[in-house]
């Protein structure tokens, strides 16, 4: 199929009959091209306009520096908003882990008390050893578990009820009443 070039517009023979443009192309090397035979300024201007338009279309395919900076700024704001939320959720997860470990420990020492009817010497009493801020649980089977985000104290109730465990997170000390309602735990 022969292709001919007229004023920088390439037509195929079949589409030339239908007067449809196939694609734009500036052909400087095509011998059938009739552009520039007479050095027509109008034709040269059309070619220059076409080249400039082609360059502009190619140049607009990327992002500008301002657009990229705006995207980076938006991402920075979203990260700044999400960091406190993430750290708050992380704190809650650590406290929940401590609670689960203390409940398991409480169940173990209460079961031992109910089974024997006596206080076990392996269970520390905060009144006896004056340690109200324990950070490690010593299970009766010898397993040790460190607290993730808080401390606890075990006391003997003095009645036939067994033991009492009180837990506070580390932020209860600094934030006081804000955390007392959400992070404190008492098992009796």
Protein backbone atom coordinates (compact mmCIF):
# COMPACT_ATOMS: atom_id res chain seq x y z
CA UNK A 1 0.00 0.00 0.00
CA UNK A 2 1.56 3.26 -1.07
CA UNK A 3 1.78 6.14 1.32
CA UNK A 4 2.03 9.71 0.11
CA UNK A 5 2.85 12.81 2.12
CA UNK A 6 1.10 16.15 1.50
CA UNK A 7 1.94 19.09 3.75
CA UNK A 8 3.11 16.81 6.53
CA UNK A 9 -0.10 14.76 6.56
CA UNK A 10 0.29 11.11 5.57
CA UNK A 11 -2.59 9.46 3.76
CA UNK A 12 -2.91 5.88 2.64
CA UNK A 13 -4.37 5.38 -0.80
CA UNK A 14 -7.63 3.90 0.48
CA UNK A 15 -8.11 6.48 3.18
CA UNK A 16 -7.20 9.29 0.81
CA UNK A 17 -10.30 8.41 -1.13
CA UNK A 18 -12.38 8.65 2.04
CA UNK A 19 -10.52 11.88 2.97
CA UNK A 20 -9.50 10.53 6.36
CA UNK A 21 -6.17 11.36 7.95
CA UNK A 22 -4.20 8.36 9.11
CA UNK A 23 -1.50 10.10 11.12
CA UNK A 24 0.62 13.20 11.15
CA UNK A 25 4.22 12.97 10.13
CA UNK A 26 6.77 15.39 8.86
CA UNK A 27 8.67 13.67 6.15
CA UNK A 28 11.90 15.34 5.21
CA UNK A 29 13.40 12.35 3.36
CA UNK A 30 10.37 11.13 1.38
CA UNK A 31 10.96 11.91 -2.33
CA UNK A 32 7.21 12.04 -2.96
CA UNK A 33 6.79 14.84 -0.42
CA UNK A 34 5.82 18.08 -2.09
CA UNK A 35 6.71 20.20 0.91
CA UNK A 36 9.43 22.75 0.46
CA UNK A 37 9.84 22.51 -3.29
CA UNK A 38 9.27 26.21 -3.64
CA UNK A 39 10.49 27.10 -0.14
CA UNK A 40 6.99 28.26 0.81
CA UNK A 41 7.07 30.10 4.18
CA UNK A 42 3.48 29.07 4.91
CA UNK A 43 4.43 25.40 4.67
CA UNK A 44 7.52 25.90 6.86
CA UNK A 45 5.37 27.63 9.48
CA UNK A 46 2.93 24.70 9.48
CA UNK A 47 5.80 22.28 9.95
CA UNK A 48 7.23 24.38 12.80
CA UNK A 49 3.80 24.59 14.45
CA UNK A 50 3.42 20.85 14.14
CA UNK A 51 6.84 20.25 15.71
CA UNK A 52 6.06 22.66 18.56
CA UNK A 53 2.67 21.01 19.18
CA UNK A 54 4.30 17.58 19.19
CA UNK A 55 6.92 18.82 21.67
CA UNK A 56 4.26 20.36 23.94
CA UNK A 57 2.22 17.17 23.95
CA UNK A 58 5.27 15.14 24.90
CA UNK A 59 6.28 17.70 27.56
CA UNK A 60 2.93 17.52 29.36
CA UNK A 61 3.11 13.80 29.97
CA UNK A 62 4.88 14.13 33.37
CA UNK A 63 4.17 15.83 36.68
CA UNK A 64 5.39 19.27 37.60
CA UNK A 65 7.53 19.89 40.66
CA UNK A 66 4.68 21.75 42.35
CA UNK A 67 2.33 18.79 41.88
CA UNK A 68 4.88 16.40 43.35
CA UNK A 69 5.49 18.69 46.33
CA UNK A 70 1.76 18.89 47.01
CA UNK A 71 1.50 15.10 46.98
CA UNK A 72 4.47 14.79 49.36
CA UNK A 73 2.92 17.39 51.68
CA UNK A 74 -0.40 15.54 51.75
CA UNK A 75 1.34 12.26 52.56
CA UNK A 76 3.32 13.98 55.34
CA UNK A 77 0.11 15.34 56.90
CA UNK A 78 -1.52 11.90 56.77
CA UNK A 79 1.51 10.31 58.42
CA UNK A 80 1.55 13.01 61.12
CA UNK A 81 -2.11 12.30 61.86
CA UNK A 82 -1.70 8.54 61.94
CA UNK A 83 1.36 8.31 64.24
CA UNK A 84 -0.47 9.28 67.49
CA UNK A 85 -3.34 6.96 66.60
CA UNK A 86 -0.92 4.11 65.94
CA UNK A 87 0.98 4.68 69.20
CA UNK A 88 -2.30 4.78 71.13
CA UNK A 89 -3.38 1.48 69.60
CA UNK A 90 0.04 0.01 70.33
CA UNK A 91 -0.32 1.03 74.00
CA UNK A 92 -3.76 -0.58 74.19
CA UNK A 93 -2.41 -3.79 72.67
CA UNK A 94 0.41 -3.96 75.22
CA UNK A 95 -1.99 -3.35 78.11
CA UNK A 96 -4.31 -6.06 76.77
CA UNK A 97 -1.35 -8.47 76.67
CA UNK A 98 -0.52 -7.64 80.29
CA UNK A 99 -4.14 -8.15 81.32
CA UNK A 100 -4.29 -11.54 79.61
CA UNK A 101 -1.09 -12.66 81.34
CA UNK A 102 -2.31 -11.43 84.73
CA UNK A 103 -5.67 -13.16 84.31
CA UNK A 104 -3.87 -16.44 83.55
CA UNK A 105 -1.63 -15.92 86.58
CA UNK A 106 -4.61 -15.04 88.79
CA UNK A 107 -6.48 -18.14 87.64
CA UNK A 108 -3.43 -20.27 88.47
CA UNK A 109 -2.82 -18.87 91.96
CA UNK A 110 -6.55 -18.87 92.83
CA UNK A 111 -6.87 -22.50 91.68
CA UNK A 112 -3.87 -23.38 93.86
CA UNK A 113 -5.43 -21.56 96.84
CA UNK A 114 -8.80 -23.26 96.37
CA UNK A 115 -7.17 -26.68 95.97
CA UNK A 116 -4.90 -26.41 99.02
CA UNK A 117 -6.81 -23.92 101.16
CA UNK A 118 -3.49 -22.16 101.91
CA UNK A 119 -1.47 -19.30 100.52
CA UNK A 120 1.43 -20.48 98.39
CA UNK A 121 4.91 -19.28 99.39
CA UNK A 122 5.86 -18.89 95.72
CA UNK A 123 3.26 -16.13 95.30
CA UNK A 124 4.78 -12.77 96.31
CA UNK A 125 2.82 -10.58 98.69
CA UNK A 126 3.23 -6.83 98.27
CA UNK A 127 2.71 -6.27 102.01
CA UNK A 128 5.44 -8.74 102.96
CA UNK A 129 8.18 -7.81 100.47
CA UNK A 130 7.03 -4.17 99.99
CA UNK A 131 7.20 -4.46 96.19
CA UNK A 132 4.14 -2.73 94.74
CA UNK A 133 5.56 -2.39 91.24
CA UNK A 134 6.33 -5.85 89.94
CA UNK A 135 7.19 -6.01 86.25
CA UNK A 136 7.64 -9.77 85.93
CA UNK A 137 5.16 -12.56 86.57
CA UNK A 138 6.57 -15.73 88.14
CA UNK A 139 4.08 -18.50 87.40
CA UNK A 140 3.95 -21.43 89.81
CA UNK A 141 5.40 -23.76 87.17
CA UNK A 142 8.55 -21.60 86.96
CA UNK A 143 7.67 -19.72 83.79
CA UNK A 144 8.52 -16.00 83.83
CA UNK A 145 6.72 -13.37 81.79
CA UNK A 146 7.74 -9.72 81.60
CA UNK A 147 5.05 -7.05 81.60
CA UNK A 148 4.81 -5.13 78.34
CA UNK A 149 3.52 -1.76 79.52
CA UNK A 150 2.79 -1.71 83.22
CA UNK A 151 3.29 -3.11 86.71
CA UNK A 152 1.25 -5.05 89.24
CA UNK A 153 1.04 -6.00 92.89
CA UNK A 154 -0.27 -9.20 94.48
CA UNK A 155 -1.79 -9.11 97.93
CA UNK A 156 -3.38 -11.72 100.15
CA UNK A 157 -6.92 -10.77 101.01
CA UNK A 158 -6.68 -12.17 104.53
CA UNK A 159 -10.07 -13.81 104.17
CA UNK A 160 -10.85 -17.08 102.54
CA UNK A 161 -11.04 -15.33 99.17
CA UNK A 162 -7.46 -15.95 98.13
CA UNK A 163 -5.48 -13.26 96.33
CA UNK A 164 -5.99 -9.81 94.86
CA UNK A 165 -4.00 -8.45 91.90
CA UNK A 166 -3.87 -4.76 90.99
CA UNK A 167 -2.43 -3.60 87.66
CA UNK A 168 -1.58 -0.12 86.37
CA UNK A 169 -0.03 0.86 83.07
CA UNK A 170 3.12 3.00 82.97
CA UNK A 171 1.12 5.96 81.69
CA UNK A 172 -1.14 5.90 84.74
CA UNK A 173 1.73 7.43 86.69
CA UNK A 174 2.24 10.31 84.25
CA UNK A 175 -1.33 10.92 83.04
CA UNK A 176 -3.04 9.97 86.28
CA UNK A 177 -6.81 9.91 86.09
CA UNK A 178 -6.92 9.82 82.30
CA UNK A 179 -5.65 6.24 82.24
CA UNK A 180 -6.93 4.98 85.57
CA UNK A 181 -10.34 4.20 84.03
CA UNK A 182 -9.05 2.55 80.88
CA UNK A 183 -5.82 0.80 81.87
CA UNK A 184 -6.18 -0.19 85.53
CA UNK A 185 -7.23 -3.71 86.40
CA UNK A 186 -8.15 -5.28 89.73
CA UNK A 187 -8.72 -9.00 90.07
CA UNK A 188 -10.19 -10.28 93.35
